[in-house]
N, C-alpha and C. Protein backbone atom coordinates (compact mmCIF):
# COMPACT_ATOMS: atom_id res chain seq x y z
N MET A 1 2.37 1.38 -9.11
CA MET A 1 2.26 0.24 -8.42
C MET A 1 0.80 0.14 -7.78
N VAL A 2 0.23 -1.07 -7.75
CA VAL A 2 -1.06 -1.28 -7.21
C VAL A 2 -1.06 -2.08 -5.97
N GLU A 3 -1.86 -1.82 -4.92
CA GLU A 3 -2.05 -2.56 -3.71
C GLU A 3 -3.45 -2.77 -3.54
N ALA A 4 -3.94 -4.05 -3.30
CA ALA A 4 -5.22 -4.35 -3.06
C ALA A 4 -5.36 -4.81 -1.56
N GLY A 5 -6.18 -4.00 -0.77
CA GLY A 5 -6.38 -4.37 0.58
C GLY A 5 -5.27 -3.88 1.41
N VAL A 6 -5.40 -2.74 1.99
CA VAL A 6 -4.34 -1.98 2.73
C VAL A 6 -4.24 -2.34 4.18
N GLY A 7 -5.20 -3.02 4.83
CA GLY A 7 -5.02 -3.42 6.09
C GLY A 7 -4.61 -2.29 7.19
N SER A 8 -3.48 -2.48 7.79
CA SER A 8 -3.04 -1.42 8.71
C SER A 8 -2.10 -0.37 7.96
N GLY A 9 -1.80 -0.60 6.74
CA GLY A 9 -0.91 0.30 6.09
C GLY A 9 0.59 0.12 6.11
N ALA A 10 0.94 -1.01 6.84
CA ALA A 10 2.21 -1.34 6.92
C ALA A 10 2.92 -1.59 5.62
N LEU A 11 2.34 -2.44 4.76
CA LEU A 11 2.93 -2.70 3.40
C LEU A 11 2.79 -1.46 2.56
N SER A 12 1.85 -0.53 2.76
CA SER A 12 1.76 0.70 2.04
C SER A 12 2.87 1.56 2.26
N CYS A 13 3.22 1.58 3.51
CA CYS A 13 4.55 2.43 3.90
C CYS A 13 5.87 1.87 3.11
N SER A 14 6.02 0.56 3.02
CA SER A 14 7.04 0.04 2.38
C SER A 14 6.99 0.31 0.88
N LEU A 15 5.81 0.15 0.31
CA LEU A 15 5.65 0.45 -0.95
C LEU A 15 5.87 1.89 -1.37
N LEU A 16 5.40 2.74 -0.57
CA LEU A 16 5.51 4.16 -0.69
C LEU A 16 7.12 4.59 -0.74
N ARG A 17 7.85 3.93 0.13
CA ARG A 17 9.24 4.18 0.21
C ARG A 17 9.86 3.73 -1.08
N ALA A 18 9.44 2.56 -1.66
CA ALA A 18 9.94 1.91 -2.85
C ALA A 18 9.73 2.92 -4.09
N VAL A 19 8.52 3.52 -4.14
CA VAL A 19 8.12 4.40 -5.33
C VAL A 19 8.82 5.85 -5.13
N GLY A 20 9.02 6.21 -3.97
CA GLY A 20 9.60 7.52 -3.76
C GLY A 20 8.68 8.64 -3.80
N ASP A 21 9.09 9.91 -3.91
CA ASP A 21 8.20 11.00 -3.91
C ASP A 21 7.64 11.28 -5.18
N HIS A 22 8.17 10.75 -6.24
CA HIS A 22 7.72 11.10 -7.67
C HIS A 22 7.00 9.77 -8.27
N GLY A 23 6.89 8.69 -7.58
CA GLY A 23 6.23 7.48 -8.14
C GLY A 23 4.72 7.57 -7.74
N SER A 24 4.06 6.43 -8.05
CA SER A 24 2.62 6.42 -7.81
C SER A 24 2.25 5.02 -7.06
N LEU A 25 1.37 5.03 -6.18
CA LEU A 25 0.87 3.92 -5.56
C LEU A 25 -0.61 4.01 -5.39
N PHE A 26 -1.31 3.06 -6.02
CA PHE A 26 -2.76 3.17 -5.90
C PHE A 26 -3.21 1.91 -4.99
N SER A 27 -3.84 2.28 -3.91
CA SER A 27 -4.24 1.30 -2.90
C SER A 27 -5.76 1.23 -2.91
N TYR A 28 -6.22 0.02 -2.99
CA TYR A 28 -7.70 -0.16 -2.97
C TYR A 28 -8.00 -1.00 -1.62
N GLU A 29 -9.07 -0.47 -0.94
CA GLU A 29 -9.56 -1.07 0.21
C GLU A 29 -11.12 -0.91 0.25
N ARG A 30 -11.81 -1.94 0.41
CA ARG A 30 -13.24 -2.01 0.29
C ARG A 30 -13.89 -1.43 1.73
N ARG A 31 -13.21 -1.63 2.81
CA ARG A 31 -13.68 -1.14 4.08
C ARG A 31 -13.16 0.21 4.35
N GLU A 32 -14.04 1.18 4.52
CA GLU A 32 -13.69 2.51 4.78
C GLU A 32 -12.86 2.63 6.14
N ASP A 33 -13.31 1.95 7.13
CA ASP A 33 -12.56 1.99 8.40
C ASP A 33 -11.16 1.51 8.30
N PHE A 34 -10.87 0.48 7.56
CA PHE A 34 -9.47 -0.02 7.22
C PHE A 34 -8.78 1.17 6.46
N ALA A 35 -9.45 1.64 5.50
CA ALA A 35 -8.73 2.67 4.63
C ALA A 35 -8.33 3.95 5.55
N GLU A 36 -9.16 4.19 6.44
CA GLU A 36 -8.90 5.41 7.36
C GLU A 36 -7.67 5.10 8.38
N ILE A 37 -7.72 3.82 8.88
CA ILE A 37 -6.64 3.45 9.80
C ILE A 37 -5.29 3.42 8.96
N ALA A 38 -5.26 2.88 7.78
CA ALA A 38 -4.05 2.89 7.06
C ALA A 38 -3.70 4.18 6.73
N ARG A 39 -4.58 5.05 6.32
CA ARG A 39 -4.14 6.52 5.93
C ARG A 39 -3.59 7.18 7.13
N ASN A 40 -4.15 7.02 8.32
CA ASN A 40 -3.54 7.64 9.48
C ASN A 40 -2.27 7.05 9.80
N ASN A 41 -2.03 5.78 9.69
CA ASN A 41 -0.72 5.08 9.97
C ASN A 41 0.36 5.62 8.99
N VAL A 42 0.02 5.76 7.73
CA VAL A 42 1.05 6.25 6.77
C VAL A 42 1.43 7.66 7.11
N GLU A 43 0.34 8.53 7.40
CA GLU A 43 0.77 9.86 7.75
C GLU A 43 1.57 10.05 9.07
N ARG A 44 1.31 9.01 9.90
CA ARG A 44 2.04 9.05 11.11
C ARG A 44 3.51 8.60 10.89
N TYR A 45 3.70 7.61 9.99
CA TYR A 45 5.03 7.09 9.72
C TYR A 45 5.88 8.13 8.95
N PHE A 46 5.34 8.80 7.86
CA PHE A 46 5.97 9.80 7.18
C PHE A 46 5.94 11.23 7.80
N GLY A 47 5.07 11.41 8.71
CA GLY A 47 5.02 12.71 9.33
C GLY A 47 4.09 13.68 8.83
N SER A 48 3.47 13.22 7.46
CA SER A 48 2.46 14.10 6.74
C SER A 48 2.10 13.13 5.64
N PRO A 49 0.96 13.62 4.81
CA PRO A 49 0.60 12.69 3.74
C PRO A 49 1.76 12.53 2.65
N HIS A 50 1.90 11.31 2.20
CA HIS A 50 2.91 11.05 1.26
C HIS A 50 2.54 11.57 -0.10
N PRO A 51 3.37 12.18 -0.87
CA PRO A 51 3.07 12.76 -2.07
C PRO A 51 2.68 11.86 -3.17
N ALA A 52 3.03 10.48 -3.00
CA ALA A 52 2.73 9.40 -3.93
C ALA A 52 1.24 8.89 -3.67
């Protein structure tokens, strides 16, 4: 699955739940500050980095 523009990471969390632990999600974000916010929100949501 591919996501362009991660924003806050809310959609990323939903997509990660959809692909599960063994799927793949490739998220592209041009702004490093947005990517960092999304990464932190995903880790906070799942409790750790998601394996996908």
